[in-house]
């Protein structure tokens, strides 16, 4: 609900995933990932920020392999809130979206995700 250091969804290691059910089916157009800026970090770095990630659209929560919507890199030197357009065009609407994080910016113990948003058209 806020962007205070430590108020994040943290998972062990540098790889993890998050599945989100939206309130309705949408045609995804973009995604945003938000992390605290380095200036708010008590350590002065944001090595726990996600780095390489991809986003998939799923038909249902039991689907193992969704439709790839794009592969992205969160830039730790960029703005805290970064928007990523859908890269893989398709004609499908989705109510379930999966965020897969493959690496972070070097933190050995955990990765922090502060906010993930899905943007699209009903």
PDB file of N, CA and C in Angstrom:
ATOM      1  N   UNK A   1       0.805  -1.219   0.000  1.00  0.00           N
ATOM      2  CA  UNK A   1       0.000   0.000   0.000  1.00  0.00           C
ATOM      3  C   UNK A   1       0.844   1.278   0.000  1.00  0.00           C
ATOM      4  N   UNK A   2       2.102   1.185   0.412  1.00  0.00           N
ATOM      5  CA  UNK A   2       2.957   2.367   0.417  1.00  0.00           C
ATOM      6  C   UNK A   2       4.333   1.991  -0.104  1.00  0.00           C
ATOM      7  N   UNK A   3       5.201   2.967  -0.201  1.00  0.00           N
ATOM      8  CA  UNK A   3       6.530   2.740  -0.779  1.00  0.00           C
ATOM      9  C   UNK A   3       7.640   2.958   0.248  1.00  0.00           C
ATOM     10  N   UNK A   4       7.404   2.576   1.489  1.00  0.00           N
ATOM     11  CA  UNK A   4       8.439   2.691   2.511  1.00  0.00           C
ATOM     12  C   UNK A   4       9.419   1.534   2.384  1.00  0.00           C
ATOM     13  N   UNK A   5      10.714   1.780   2.620  1.00  0.00           N
ATOM     14  CA  UNK A   5      11.701   0.702   2.528  1.00  0.00           C
ATOM     15  C   UNK A   5      11.295  -0.497   3.376  1.00  0.00           C
ATOM     16  N   UNK A   6      11.322  -1.655   2.761  1.00  0.00           N
ATOM     17  CA  UNK A   6      10.974  -2.890   3.455  1.00  0.00           C
ATOM     18  C   UNK A   6       9.526  -3.298   3.326  1.00  0.00           C
ATOM     19  N   UNK A   7       8.630  -2.371   2.930  1.00  0.00           N
ATOM     20  CA  UNK A   7       7.212  -2.706   2.740  1.00  0.00           C
ATOM     21  C   UNK A   7       7.015  -3.279   1.340  1.00  0.00           C
ATOM     22  N   UNK A   8       7.588  -4.447   1.134  1.00  0.00           N
ATOM     23  CA  UNK A   8       7.547  -5.069  -0.187  1.00  0.00           C
ATOM     24  C   UNK A   8       7.163  -6.529  -0.044  1.00  0.00           C
ATOM     25  N   UNK A   9       6.892  -7.157  -1.184  1.00  0.00           N
ATOM     26  CA  UNK A   9       6.738  -8.601  -1.203  1.00  0.00           C
ATOM     27  C   UNK A   9       8.124  -9.149  -1.488  1.00  0.00           C
ATOM     28  N   UNK A  10       8.734  -9.764  -0.494  1.00  0.00           N
ATOM     29  CA  UNK A  10      10.094 -10.287  -0.632  1.00  0.00           C
ATOM     30  C   UNK A  10      10.035 -11.797  -0.771  1.00  0.00           C
ATOM     31  N   UNK A  11      10.861 -12.323  -1.657  1.00  0.00           N
ATOM     32  CA  UNK A  11      10.969 -13.772  -1.774  1.00  0.00           C
ATOM     33  C   UNK A  11      12.434 -14.170  -1.764  1.00  0.00           C
ATOM     34  N   UNK A  12      12.687 -15.375  -1.280  1.00  0.00           N
ATOM     35  CA  UNK A  12      14.044 -15.875  -1.109  1.00  0.00           C
ATOM     36  C   UNK A  12      14.727 -16.059  -2.461  1.00  0.00           C
ATOM     37  N   UNK A  13      15.969 -15.623  -2.530  1.00  0.00           N
ATOM     38  CA  UNK A  13      16.747 -15.791  -3.753  1.00  0.00           C
ATOM     39  C   UNK A  13      16.463 -14.723  -4.789  1.00  0.00           C
ATOM     40  N   UNK A  14      16.866 -15.037  -6.021  1.00  0.00           N
ATOM     41  CA  UNK A  14      16.731 -14.048  -7.096  1.00  0.00           C
ATOM     42  C   UNK A  14      15.692 -14.461  -8.139  1.00  0.00           C
ATOM     43  N   UNK A  15      15.040 -15.601  -7.940  1.00  0.00           N
ATOM     44  CA  UNK A  15      14.030 -16.049  -8.895  1.00  0.00           C
ATOM     45  C   UNK A  15      12.724 -16.343  -8.181  1.00  0.00           C
ATOM     46  N   UNK A  16      11.633 -15.888  -8.777  1.00  0.00           N
ATOM     47  CA  UNK A  16      10.323 -16.141  -8.206  1.00  0.00           C
ATOM     48  C   UNK A  16       9.245 -15.722  -9.176  1.00  0.00           C
ATOM     49  N   UNK A  17       8.005 -15.984  -8.806  1.00  0.00           N
ATOM     50  CA  UNK A  17       6.911 -15.583  -9.686  1.00  0.00           C
ATOM     51  C   UNK A  17       5.707 -15.145  -8.868  1.00  0.00           C
ATOM     52  N   UNK A  18       4.860 -14.385  -9.516  1.00  0.00           N
ATOM     53  CA  UNK A  18       3.659 -13.842  -8.909  1.00  0.00           C
ATOM     54  C   UNK A  18       2.537 -13.983  -9.929  1.00  0.00           C
ATOM     55  N   UNK A  19       1.393 -14.510  -9.510  1.00  0.00           N
ATOM     56  CA  UNK A  19       0.240 -14.631 -10.394  1.00  0.00           C
ATOM     57  C   UNK A  19      -0.856 -13.715  -9.859  1.00  0.00           C
ATOM     58  N   UNK A  20      -1.407 -12.892 -10.749  1.00  0.00           N
ATOM     59  CA  UNK A  20      -2.414 -11.904 -10.373  1.00  0.00           C
ATOM     60  C   UNK A  20      -3.705 -12.178 -11.143  1.00  0.00           C
ATOM     61  N   UNK A  21      -4.831 -12.207 -10.412  1.00  0.00           N
ATOM     62  CA  UNK A  21      -6.138 -12.296 -11.070  1.00  0.00           C
ATOM     63  C   UNK A  21      -6.727 -10.890 -11.107  1.00  0.00           C
ATOM     64  N   UNK A  22      -7.020 -10.418 -12.305  1.00  0.00           N
ATOM     65  CA  UNK A  22      -7.586  -9.089 -12.490  1.00  0.00           C
ATOM     66  C   UNK A  22      -9.097  -9.128 -12.277  1.00  0.00           C
ATOM     67  N   UNK A  23      -9.706  -7.981 -12.110  1.00  0.00           N
ATOM     68  CA  UNK A  23     -11.145  -7.934 -11.847  1.00  0.00           C
ATOM     69  C   UNK A  23     -11.972  -8.321 -13.067  1.00  0.00           C
ATOM     70  N   UNK A  24     -11.369  -8.227 -14.257  1.00  0.00           N
ATOM     71  CA  UNK A  24     -12.055  -8.619 -15.492  1.00  0.00           C
ATOM     72  C   UNK A  24     -11.011  -8.993 -16.542  1.00  0.00           C
ATOM     73  N   UNK A  25     -11.458  -9.618 -17.619  1.00  0.00           N
ATOM     74  CA  UNK A  25     -10.556  -9.912 -18.727  1.00  0.00           C
ATOM     75  C   UNK A  25     -10.190  -8.611 -19.422  1.00  0.00           C
ATOM     76  N   UNK A  26      -8.911  -8.464 -19.742  1.00  0.00           N
ATOM     77  CA  UNK A  26      -8.466  -7.283 -20.478  1.00  0.00           C
ATOM     78  C   UNK A  26      -7.493  -7.701 -21.582  1.00  0.00           C
ATOM     79  N   UNK A  27      -7.313  -6.787 -22.535  1.00  0.00           N
ATOM     80  CA  UNK A  27      -6.267  -6.937 -23.538  1.00  0.00           C
ATOM     81  C   UNK A  27      -5.081  -6.148 -23.003  1.00  0.00           C
ATOM     82  N   UNK A  28      -4.049  -6.815 -22.481  1.00  0.00           N
ATOM     83  CA  UNK A  28      -2.928  -6.092 -21.870  1.00  0.00           C
ATOM     84  C   UNK A  28      -2.199  -5.201 -22.884  1.00  0.00           C
ATOM     85  N   UNK A  29      -1.818  -4.007 -22.440  1.00  0.00           N
ATOM     86  CA  UNK A  29      -1.064  -3.085 -23.282  1.00  0.00           C
ATOM     87  C   UNK A  29       0.304  -2.762 -22.681  1.00  0.00           C
ATOM     88  N   UNK A  30       0.408  -2.820 -21.351  1.00  0.00           N
ATOM     89  CA  UNK A  30       1.674  -2.476 -20.693  1.00  0.00           C
ATOM     90  C   UNK A  30       1.652  -2.968 -19.251  1.00  0.00           C
ATOM     91  N   UNK A  31       2.845  -2.946 -18.647  1.00  0.00           N
ATOM     92  CA  UNK A  31       3.016  -3.328 -17.246  1.00  0.00           C
ATOM     93  C   UNK A  31       3.904  -2.290 -16.585  1.00  0.00           C
ATOM     94  N   UNK A  32       3.704  -2.075 -15.295  1.00  0.00           N
ATOM     95  CA  UNK A  32       4.634  -1.226 -14.561  1.00  0.00           C
ATOM     96  C   UNK A  32       5.178  -2.009 -13.375  1.00  0.00           C
ATOM     97  N   UNK A  33       6.463  -1.779 -13.118  1.00  0.00           N
ATOM     98  CA  UNK A  33       7.144  -2.339 -11.959  1.00  0.00           C
ATOM     99  C   UNK A  33       7.696  -1.157 -11.183  1.00  0.00           C
ATOM    100  N   UNK A  34       7.494  -1.169  -9.877  1.00  0.00           N
ATOM    101  CA  UNK A  34       7.952  -0.063  -9.040  1.00  0.00           C
ATOM    102  C   UNK A  34       8.776  -0.600  -7.883  1.00  0.00           C
ATOM    103  N   UNK A  35       9.868   0.095  -7.615  1.00  0.00           N
ATOM    104  CA  UNK A  35      10.763  -0.223  -6.498  1.00  0.00           C
ATOM    105  C   UNK A  35      11.140   1.103  -5.853  1.00  0.00           C
ATOM    106  N   UNK A  36      11.593   1.070  -4.611  1.00  0.00           N
ATOM    107  CA  UNK A  36      12.027   2.324  -3.992  1.00  0.00           C
ATOM    108  C   UNK A  36      13.277   2.851  -4.713  1.00  0.00           C
ATOM    109  N   UNK A  37      13.469   4.167  -4.729  1.00  0.00           N
ATOM    110  CA  UNK A  37      14.698   4.708  -5.311  1.00  0.00           C
ATOM    111  C   UNK A  37      15.894   4.495  -4.377  1.00  0.00           C
ATOM    112  N   UNK A  38      17.079   4.548  -4.933  1.00  0.00           N
ATOM    113  CA  UNK A  38      18.297   4.377  -4.120  1.00  0.00           C
ATOM    114  C   UNK A  38      18.351   5.385  -2.976  1.00  0.00           C
ATOM    115  N   UNK A  39      17.829   6.578  -3.207  1.00  0.00           N
ATOM    116  CA  UNK A  39      17.889   7.635  -2.185  1.00  0.00           C
ATOM    117  C   UNK A  39      17.074   7.291  -0.946  1.00  0.00           C
ATOM    118  N   UNK A  40      16.064   6.418  -1.074  1.00  0.00           N
ATOM    119  CA  UNK A  40      15.263   6.011   0.090  1.00  0.00           C
ATOM    120  C   UNK A  40      15.786   4.748   0.751  1.00  0.00           C
ATOM    121  N   UNK A  41      16.711   4.061   0.092  1.00  0.00           N
ATOM    122  CA  UNK A  41      17.226   2.807   0.625  1.00  0.00           C
ATOM    123  C   UNK A  41      18.197   3.070   1.774  1.00  0.00           C
ATOM    124  N   UNK A  42      18.021   2.388   2.910  1.00  0.00           N
ATOM    125  CA  UNK A  42      18.938   2.573   4.048  1.00  0.00           C
ATOM    126  C   UNK A  42      20.391   2.234   3.699  1.00  0.00           C
ATOM    127  N   UNK A  43      20.585   1.325   2.737  1.00  0.00           N
ATOM    128  CA  UNK A  43      21.943   0.919   2.352  1.00  0.00           C
ATOM    129  C   UNK A  43      22.502   1.757   1.201  1.00  0.00           C
ATOM    130  N   UNK A  44      21.652   2.573   0.580  1.00  0.00           N
ATOM    131  CA  UNK A  44      22.102   3.382  -0.555  1.00  0.00           C
ATOM    132  C   UNK A  44      22.126   2.615  -1.863  1.00  0.00           C
ATOM    133  N   UNK A  45      21.682   1.354  -1.842  1.00  0.00           N
ATOM    134  CA  UNK A  45      21.601   0.599  -3.091  1.00  0.00           C
ATOM    135  C   UNK A  45      20.268  -0.140  -3.148  1.00  0.00           C
ATOM    136  N   UNK A  46      19.934  -0.625  -4.340  1.00  0.00           N
ATOM    137  CA  UNK A  46      18.698  -1.389  -4.497  1.00  0.00           C
ATOM    138  C   UNK A  46      19.012  -2.719  -5.202  1.00  0.00           C
ATOM    139  N   UNK A  47      19.991  -3.432  -4.651  1.00  0.00           N
ATOM    140  CA  UNK A  47      20.379  -4.714  -5.241  1.00  0.00           C
ATOM    141  C   UNK A  47      19.270  -5.759  -5.140  1.00  0.00           C
ATOM    142  N   UNK A  48      18.276  -5.530  -4.274  1.00  0.00           N
ATOM    143  CA  UNK A  48      17.157  -6.475  -4.155  1.00  0.00           C
ATOM    144  C   UNK A  48      16.074  -6.226  -5.209  1.00  0.00           C
ATOM    145  N   UNK A  49      16.234  -5.197  -6.023  1.00  0.00           N
ATOM    146  CA  UNK A  49      15.242  -4.904  -7.071  1.00  0.00           C
ATOM    147  C   UNK A  49      15.275  -5.983  -8.147  1.00  0.00           C
ATOM    148  N   UNK A  50      14.116  -6.296  -8.739  1.00  0.00           N
ATOM    149  CA  UNK A  50      14.104  -7.243  -9.857  1.00  0.00           C
ATOM    150  C   UNK A  50      14.960  -6.712 -11.003  1.00  0.00           C
ATOM    151  N   UNK A  51      15.541  -7.615 -11.782  1.00  0.00           N
ATOM    152  CA  UNK A  51      16.329  -7.217 -12.945  1.00  0.00           C
ATOM    153  C   UNK A  51      15.672  -7.762 -14.217  1.00  0.00           C
ATOM    154  N   UNK A  52      15.905  -9.029 -14.523  1.00  0.00           N
ATOM    155  CA  UNK A  52      15.309  -9.636 -15.718  1.00  0.00           C
ATOM    156  C   UNK A  52      13.992 -10.303 -15.347  1.00  0.00           C
ATOM    157  N   UNK A  53      12.953 -10.014 -16.138  1.00  0.00           N
ATOM    158  CA  UNK A  53      11.654 -10.620 -15.872  1.00  0.00           C
ATOM    159  C   UNK A  53      10.852 -10.753 -17.164  1.00  0.00           C
ATOM    160  N   UNK A  54       9.838 -11.593 -17.106  1.00  0.00           N
ATOM    161  CA  UNK A  54       8.921 -11.728 -18.228  1.00  0.00           C
ATOM    162  C   UNK A  54       7.500 -11.768 -17.685  1.00  0.00           C
ATOM    163  N   UNK A  55       6.547 -11.504 -18.579  1.00  0.00           N
ATOM    164  CA  UNK A  55       5.143 -11.482 -18.195  1.00  0.00           C
ATOM    165  C   UNK A  55       4.367 -12.379 -19.161  1.00  0.00           C
ATOM    166  N   UNK A  56       3.440 -13.158 -18.606  1.00  0.00           N
ATOM    167  CA  UNK A  56       2.640 -14.101 -19.379  1.00  0.00           C
ATOM    168  C   UNK A  56       1.155 -13.881 -19.100  1.00  0.00           C
ATOM    169  N   UNK A  57       0.335 -14.105 -20.096  1.00  0.00           N
ATOM    170  CA  UNK A  57      -1.110 -14.121 -19.928  1.00  0.00           C
ATOM    171  C   UNK A  57      -1.557 -15.564 -19.794  1.00  0.00           C
ATOM    172  N   UNK A  58      -2.433 -15.853 -18.821  1.00  0.00           N
ATOM    173  CA  UNK A  58      -2.914 -17.217 -18.590  1.00  0.00           C
ATOM    174  C   UNK A  58      -4.419 -17.290 -18.786  1.00  0.00           C
ATOM    175  N   UNK A  59      -4.874 -18.427 -19.300  1.00  0.00           N
ATOM    176  CA  UNK A  59      -6.312 -18.649 -19.473  1.00  0.00           C
ATOM    177  C   UNK A  59      -6.970 -19.040 -18.152  1.00  0.00           C
ATOM    178  N   UNK A  60      -6.224 -19.758 -17.302  1.00  0.00           N
ATOM    179  CA  UNK A  60      -6.714 -20.104 -15.965  1.00  0.00           C
ATOM    180  C   UNK A  60      -5.513 -20.306 -15.043  1.00  0.00           C
ATOM    181  N   UNK A  61      -5.765 -20.355 -13.738  1.00  0.00           N
ATOM    182  CA  UNK A  61      -4.666 -20.414 -12.766  1.00  0.00           C
ATOM    183  C   UNK A  61      -3.925 -21.746 -12.769  1.00  0.00           C
ATOM    184  N   UNK A  62      -4.478 -22.754 -13.445  1.00  0.00           N
ATOM    185  CA  UNK A  62      -3.836 -24.070 -13.475  1.00  0.00           C
ATOM    186  C   UNK A  62      -2.953 -24.254 -14.706  1.00  0.00           C
ATOM    187  N   UNK A  63      -2.998 -23.298 -15.608  1.00  0.00           N
ATOM    188  CA  UNK A  63      -2.190 -23.378 -16.821  1.00  0.00           C
ATOM    189  C   UNK A  63      -0.710 -23.243 -16.457  1.00  0.00           C
ATOM    190  N   UNK A  64       0.107 -24.184 -16.913  1.00  0.00           N
ATOM    191  CA  UNK A  64       1.526 -24.165 -16.558  1.00  0.00           C
ATOM    192  C   UNK A  64       2.336 -23.208 -17.427  1.00  0.00           C
ATOM    193  N   UNK A  65       2.007 -23.129 -18.703  1.00  0.00           N
ATOM    194  CA  UNK A  65       2.764 -22.264 -19.603  1.00  0.00           C
ATOM    195  C   UNK A  65       1.798 -21.312 -20.293  1.00  0.00           C
ATOM    196  N   UNK A  66       1.850 -20.040 -19.901  1.00  0.00           N
ATOM    197  CA  UNK A  66       0.964 -19.046 -20.480  1.00  0.00           C
ATOM    198  C   UNK A  66       1.505 -18.512 -21.790  1.00  0.00           C
ATOM    199  N   UNK A  67       0.846 -17.475 -22.294  1.00  0.00           N
ATOM    200  CA  UNK A  67       1.268 -16.833 -23.534  1.00  0.00           C
ATOM    201  C   UNK A  67       2.221 -15.689 -23.187  1.00  0.00           C
ATOM    202  N   UNK A  68       3.436 -15.743 -23.726  1.00  0.00           N
ATOM    203  CA  UNK A  68       4.443 -14.716 -23.442  1.00  0.00           C
ATOM    204  C   UNK A  68       3.975 -13.360 -23.955  1.00  0.00           C
ATOM    205  N   UNK A  69       3.999 -12.360 -23.077  1.00  0.00           N
ATOM    206  CA  UNK A  69       3.622 -10.996 -23.453  1.00  0.00           C
ATOM    207  C   UNK A  69       4.845 -10.096 -23.589  1.00  0.00           C
ATOM    208  N   UNK A  70       5.979 -10.520 -23.031  1.00  0.00           N
ATOM    209  CA  UNK A  70       7.205  -9.750 -23.183  1.00  0.00           C
ATOM    210  C   UNK A  70       8.265 -10.136 -22.177  1.00  0.00           C
ATOM    211  N   UNK A  71       9.512  -9.828 -22.542  1.00  0.00           N
ATOM    212  CA  UNK A  71      10.669 -10.023 -21.662  1.00  0.00           C
ATOM    213  C   UNK A  71      11.308  -8.661 -21.459  1.00  0.00           C
ATOM    214  N   UNK A  72      11.668  -8.356 -20.201  1.00  0.00           N
ATOM    215  CA  UNK A  72      12.054  -6.994 -19.856  1.00  0.00           C
ATOM    216  C   UNK A  72      13.217  -6.957 -18.870  1.00  0.00           C
ATOM    217  N   UNK A  73      13.770  -5.748 -18.703  1.00  0.00           N
ATOM    218  CA  UNK A  73      14.802  -5.492 -17.700  1.00  0.00           C
ATOM    219  C   UNK A  73      14.405  -4.234 -16.932  1.00  0.00           C
ATOM    220  N   UNK A  74      14.295  -4.368 -15.611  1.00  0.00           N
ATOM    221  CA  UNK A  74      14.091  -3.202 -14.742  1.00  0.00           C
ATOM    222  C   UNK A  74      15.453  -2.557 -14.546  1.00  0.00           C
ATOM    223  N   UNK A  75      15.559  -1.256 -14.832  1.00  0.00           N
ATOM    224  CA  UNK A  75      16.825  -0.531 -14.763  1.00  0.00           C
ATOM    225  C   UNK A  75      16.995   0.100 -13.381  1.00  0.00           C
ATOM    226  N   UNK A  76      17.949  -0.401 -12.601  1.00  0.00           N
ATOM    227  CA  UNK A  76      18.149   0.132 -11.248  1.00  0.00           C
ATOM    228  C   UNK A  76      18.612   1.584 -11.258  1.00  0.00           C
ATOM    229  N   UNK A  77      19.130   2.059 -12.386  1.00  0.00           N
ATOM    230  CA  UNK A  77      19.559   3.459 -12.504  1.00  0.00           C
ATOM    231  C   UNK A  77      18.435   4.356 -13.020  1.00  0.00           C
ATOM    232  N   UNK A  78      17.304   3.760 -13.390  1.00  0.00           N
ATOM    233  CA  UNK A  78      16.191   4.526 -13.947  1.00  0.00           C
ATOM    234  C   UNK A  78      15.250   5.042 -12.880  1.00  0.00           C
ATOM    235  N   UNK A  79      14.092   5.487 -13.326  1.00  0.00           N
ATOM    236  CA  UNK A  79      13.057   5.967 -12.411  1.00  0.00           C
ATOM    237  C   UNK A  79      12.534   4.804 -11.564  1.00  0.00           C
ATOM    238  N   UNK A  80      12.040   5.090 -10.347  1.00  0.00           N
ATOM    239  CA  UNK A  80      11.506   4.015  -9.495  1.00  0.00           C
ATOM    240  C   UNK A  80      10.318   3.294 -10.147  1.00  0.00           C
ATOM    241  N   UNK A  81       9.475   4.040 -10.863  1.00  0.00           N
ATOM    242  CA  UNK A  81       8.318   3.482 -11.554  1.00  0.00           C
ATOM    243  C   UNK A  81       8.666   3.381 -13.040  1.00  0.00           C
ATOM    244  N   UNK A  82       8.692   2.152 -13.554  1.00  0.00           N
ATOM    245  CA  UNK A  82       9.057   1.940 -14.955  1.00  0.00           C
ATOM    246  C   UNK A  82       7.945   1.190 -15.672  1.00  0.00           C
ATOM    247  N   UNK A  83       7.608   1.685 -16.876  1.00  0.00           N
ATOM    248  CA  UNK A  83       6.539   1.087 -17.678  1.00  0.00           C
ATOM    249  C   UNK A  83       7.137   0.287 -18.831  1.00  0.00           C
ATOM    250  N   UNK A  84       6.533  -0.879 -19.093  1.00  0.00           N
ATOM    251  CA  UNK A  84       7.006  -1.784 -20.133  1.00  0.00           C
ATOM    252  C   UNK A  84       5.842  -2.155 -21.040  1.00  0.00           C
ATOM    253  N   UNK A  85       5.914  -1.809 -22.333  1.00  0.00           N
ATOM    254  CA  UNK A  85       4.807  -2.139 -23.235  1.00  0.00           C
ATOM    255  C   UNK A  85       4.773  -3.631 -23.550  1.00  0.00           C
ATOM    256  N   UNK A  86       3.588  -4.136 -23.887  1.00  0.00           N
ATOM    257  CA  UNK A  86       3.472  -5.524 -24.341  1.00  0.00           C
ATOM    258  C   UNK A  86       4.304  -5.649 -25.615  1.00  0.00           C
ATOM    259  N   UNK A  87       5.189  -6.639 -25.653  1.00  0.00           N
ATOM    260  CA  UNK A  87       6.089  -6.818 -26.799  1.00  0.00           C
ATOM    261  C   UNK A  87       5.545  -7.844 -27.794  1.00  0.00           C
ATOM    262  N   UNK A  88       4.865  -8.865 -27.278  1.00  0.00           N
ATOM    263  CA  UNK A  88       4.354  -9.939 -28.123  1.00  0.00           C
ATOM    264  C   UNK A  88       2.865  -9.693 -28.364  1.00  0.00           C
ATOM    265  N   UNK A  89       2.544  -9.178 -29.528  1.00  0.00           N
ATOM    266  CA  UNK A  89       1.149  -8.854 -29.842  1.00  0.00           C
ATOM    267  C   UNK A  89       0.331 -10.129 -30.000  1.00  0.00           C
ATOM    268  N   UNK A  90      -0.876 -10.090 -29.460  1.00  0.00           N
ATOM    269  CA  UNK A  90      -1.799 -11.214 -29.642  1.00  0.00           C
ATOM    270  C   UNK A  90      -3.221 -10.687 -29.539  1.00  0.00           C
ATOM    271  N   UNK A  91      -4.147 -11.535 -29.904  1.00  0.00           N
ATOM    272  CA  UNK A  91      -5.553 -11.139 -29.942  1.00  0.00           C
ATOM    273  C   UNK A  91      -6.329 -11.610 -28.720  1.00  0.00           C
ATOM    274  N   UNK A  92      -5.623 -12.131 -27.712  1.00  0.00           N
ATOM    275  CA  UNK A  92      -6.299 -12.715 -26.559  1.00  0.00           C
ATOM    276  C   UNK A  92      -6.436 -11.722 -25.406  1.00  0.00           C
ATOM    277  N   UNK A  93      -7.556 -11.842 -24.708  1.00  0.00           N
ATOM    278  CA  UNK A  93      -7.758 -11.096 -23.463  1.00  0.00           C
ATOM    279  C   UNK A  93      -7.465 -12.053 -22.310  1.00  0.00           C
ATOM    280  N   UNK A  94      -6.952 -11.505 -21.225  1.00  0.00           N
ATOM    281  CA  UNK A  94      -6.592 -12.336 -20.066  1.00  0.00           C
ATOM    282  C   UNK A  94      -7.130 -11.721 -18.785  1.00  0.00           C
ATOM    283  N   UNK A  95      -7.504 -12.595 -17.861  1.00  0.00           N
ATOM    284  CA  UNK A  95      -7.862 -12.151 -16.514  1.00  0.00           C
ATOM    285  C   UNK A  95      -6.750 -12.513 -15.537  1.00  0.00           C
ATOM    286  N   UNK A  96      -5.867 -13.419 -15.951  1.00  0.00           N
ATOM    287  CA  UNK A  96      -4.788 -13.860 -15.077  1.00  0.00           C
ATOM    288  C   UNK A  96      -3.451 -13.561 -15.749  1.00  0.00           C
ATOM    289  N   UNK A  97      -2.564 -12.912 -14.999  1.00  0.00           N
ATOM    290  CA  UNK A  97      -1.256 -12.512 -15.511  1.00  0.00           C
ATOM    291  C   UNK A  97      -0.187 -13.029 -14.559  1.00  0.00           C
ATOM    292  N   UNK A  98       0.882 -13.584 -15.138  1.00  0.00           N
ATOM    293  CA  UNK A  98       1.997 -14.095 -14.340  1.00  0.00           C
ATOM    294  C   UNK A  98       3.244 -13.265 -14.597  1.00  0.00           C
ATOM    295  N   UNK A  99       3.858 -12.820 -13.512  1.00  0.00           N
ATOM    296  CA  UNK A  99       5.142 -12.116 -13.555  1.00  0.00           C
ATOM    297  C   UNK A  99       6.203 -13.110 -13.103  1.00  0.00           C
ATOM    298  N   UNK A 100       7.189 -13.372 -13.954  1.00  0.00           N
ATOM    299  CA  UNK A 100       8.295 -14.272 -13.593  1.00  0.00           C
ATOM    300  C   UNK A 100       9.576 -13.456 -13.501  1.00  0.00           C
ATOM    301  N   UNK A 101      10.191 -13.480 -12.335  1.00  0.00           N
ATOM    302  CA  UNK A 101      11.453 -12.763 -12.126  1.00  0.00           C
ATOM    303  C   UNK A 101      12.587 -13.774 -12.200  1.00  0.00           C
ATOM    304  N   UNK A 102      13.573 -13.483 -13.071  1.00  0.00           N
ATOM    305  CA  UNK A 102      14.681 -14.413 -13.302  1.00  0.00           C
ATOM    306  C   UNK A 102      15.954 -14.007 -12.576  1.00  0.00           C
ATOM    307  N   UNK A 103      16.073 -12.714 -12.237  1.00  0.00           N
ATOM    308  CA  UNK A 103      17.280 -12.260 -11.534  1.00  0.00           C
ATOM    309  C   UNK A 103      16.999 -10.935 -10.842  1.00  0.00           C
ATOM    310  N   UNK A 104      17.882 -10.577  -9.899  1.00  0.00           N
ATOM    311  CA  UNK A 104      17.821  -9.266  -9.272  1.00  0.00           C
ATOM    312  C   UNK A 104      19.146  -8.545  -9.546  1.00  0.00           C
ATOM    313  N   UNK A 105      19.368  -7.424  -8.872  1.00  0.00           N
ATOM    314  CA  UNK A 105      20.566  -6.620  -9.118  1.00  0.00           C
ATOM    315  C   UNK A 105      21.719  -6.990  -8.189  1.00  0.00           C
ATOM    316  N   UNK A 106      21.732  -8.216  -7.663  1.00  0.00           N
ATOM    317  CA  UNK A 106      22.902  -8.694  -6.940  1.00  0.00           C
ATOM    318  C   UNK A 106      22.699  -9.086  -5.493  1.00  0.00           C
ATOM    319  N   UNK A 107      21.497  -8.875  -4.943  1.00  0.00           N
ATOM    320  CA  UNK A 107      21.277  -9.254  -3.542  1.00  0.00           C
ATOM    321  C   UNK A 107      21.277 -10.776  -3.438  1.00  0.00           C
ATOM    322  N   UNK A 108      22.102 -11.319  -2.560  1.00  0.00           N
ATOM    323  CA  UNK A 108      22.282 -12.773  -2.463  1.00  0.00           C
ATOM    324  C   UNK A 108      21.126 -13.481  -1.755  1.00  0.00           C
ATOM    325  N   UNK A 109      20.415 -12.781  -0.870  1.00  0.00           N
ATOM    326  CA  UNK A 109      19.428 -13.456  -0.029  1.00  0.00           C
ATOM    327  C   UNK A 109      17.990 -13.361  -0.520  1.00  0.00           C
ATOM    328  N   UNK A 110      17.592 -12.203  -1.063  1.00  0.00           N
ATOM    329  CA  UNK A 110      16.181 -12.042  -1.439  1.00  0.00           C
ATOM    330  C   UNK A 110      16.004 -10.989  -2.538  1.00  0.00           C
ATOM    331  N   UNK A 111      14.792 -10.988  -3.089  1.00  0.00           N
ATOM    332  CA  UNK A 111      14.365 -10.014  -4.089  1.00  0.00           C
ATOM    333  C   UNK A 111      13.100  -9.351  -3.559  1.00  0.00           C
ATOM    334  N   UNK A 112      12.976  -8.043  -3.765  1.00  0.00           N
ATOM    335  CA  UNK A 112      11.807  -7.286  -3.298  1.00  0.00           C
ATOM    336  C   UNK A 112      11.005  -6.742  -4.477  1.00  0.00           C
ATOM    337  N   UNK A 113       9.712  -6.956  -4.417  1.00  0.00           N
ATOM    338  CA  UNK A 113       8.803  -6.383  -5.405  1.00  0.00           C
ATOM    339  C   UNK A 113       7.849  -5.448  -4.658  1.00  0.00           C
ATOM    340  N   UNK A 114       7.892  -4.172  -4.994  1.00  0.00           N
ATOM    341  CA  UNK A 114       7.037  -3.205  -4.313  1.00  0.00           C
ATOM    342  C   UNK A 114       5.675  -3.078  -4.976  1.00  0.00           C
ATOM    343  N   UNK A 115       5.672  -2.879  -6.299  1.00  0.00           N
ATOM    344  CA  UNK A 115       4.396  -2.777  -7.015  1.00  0.00           C
ATOM    345  C   UNK A 115       4.531  -3.346  -8.409  1.00  0.00           C
ATOM    346  N   UNK A 116       3.488  -4.059  -8.824  1.00  0.00           N
ATOM    347  CA  UNK A 116       3.368  -4.559 -10.190  1.00  0.00           C
ATOM    348  C   UNK A 116       1.956  -4.226 -10.655  1.00  0.00           C
ATOM    349  N   UNK A 117       1.861  -3.538 -11.777  1.00  0.00           N
ATOM    350  CA  UNK A 117       0.550  -3.169 -12.310  1.00  0.00           C
ATOM    351  C   UNK A 117       0.400  -3.697 -13.727  1.00  0.00           C
ATOM    352  N   UNK A 118      -0.830  -4.029 -14.073  1.00  0.00           N
ATOM    353  CA  UNK A 118      -1.172  -4.456 -15.423  1.00  0.00           C
ATOM    354  C   UNK A 118      -2.093  -3.398 -16.020  1.00  0.00           C
ATOM    355  N   UNK A 119      -1.754  -2.926 -17.224  1.00  0.00           N
ATOM    356  CA  UNK A 119      -2.555  -1.924 -17.910  1.00  0.00           C
ATOM    357  C   UNK A 119      -3.149  -2.547 -19.168  1.00  0.00           C
ATOM    358  N   UNK A 120      -4.361  -2.166 -19.517  1.00  0.00           N
ATOM    359  CA  UNK A 120      -4.949  -2.726 -20.722  1.00  0.00           C
ATOM    360  C   UNK A 120      -6.325  -2.171 -21.007  1.00  0.00           C
ATOM    361  N   UNK A 121      -6.967  -2.795 -21.987  1.00  0.00           N
ATOM    362  CA  UNK A 121      -8.304  -2.367 -22.421  1.00  0.00           C
ATOM    363  C   UNK A 121      -9.301  -3.505 -22.147  1.00  0.00           C
ATOM    364  N   UNK A 122     -10.476  -3.150 -21.627  1.00  0.00           N
ATOM    365  CA  UNK A 122     -11.498  -4.184 -21.355  1.00  0.00           C
ATOM    366  C   UNK A 122     -11.950  -4.872 -22.641  1.00  0.00           C
TER     367      UNK A 122
END
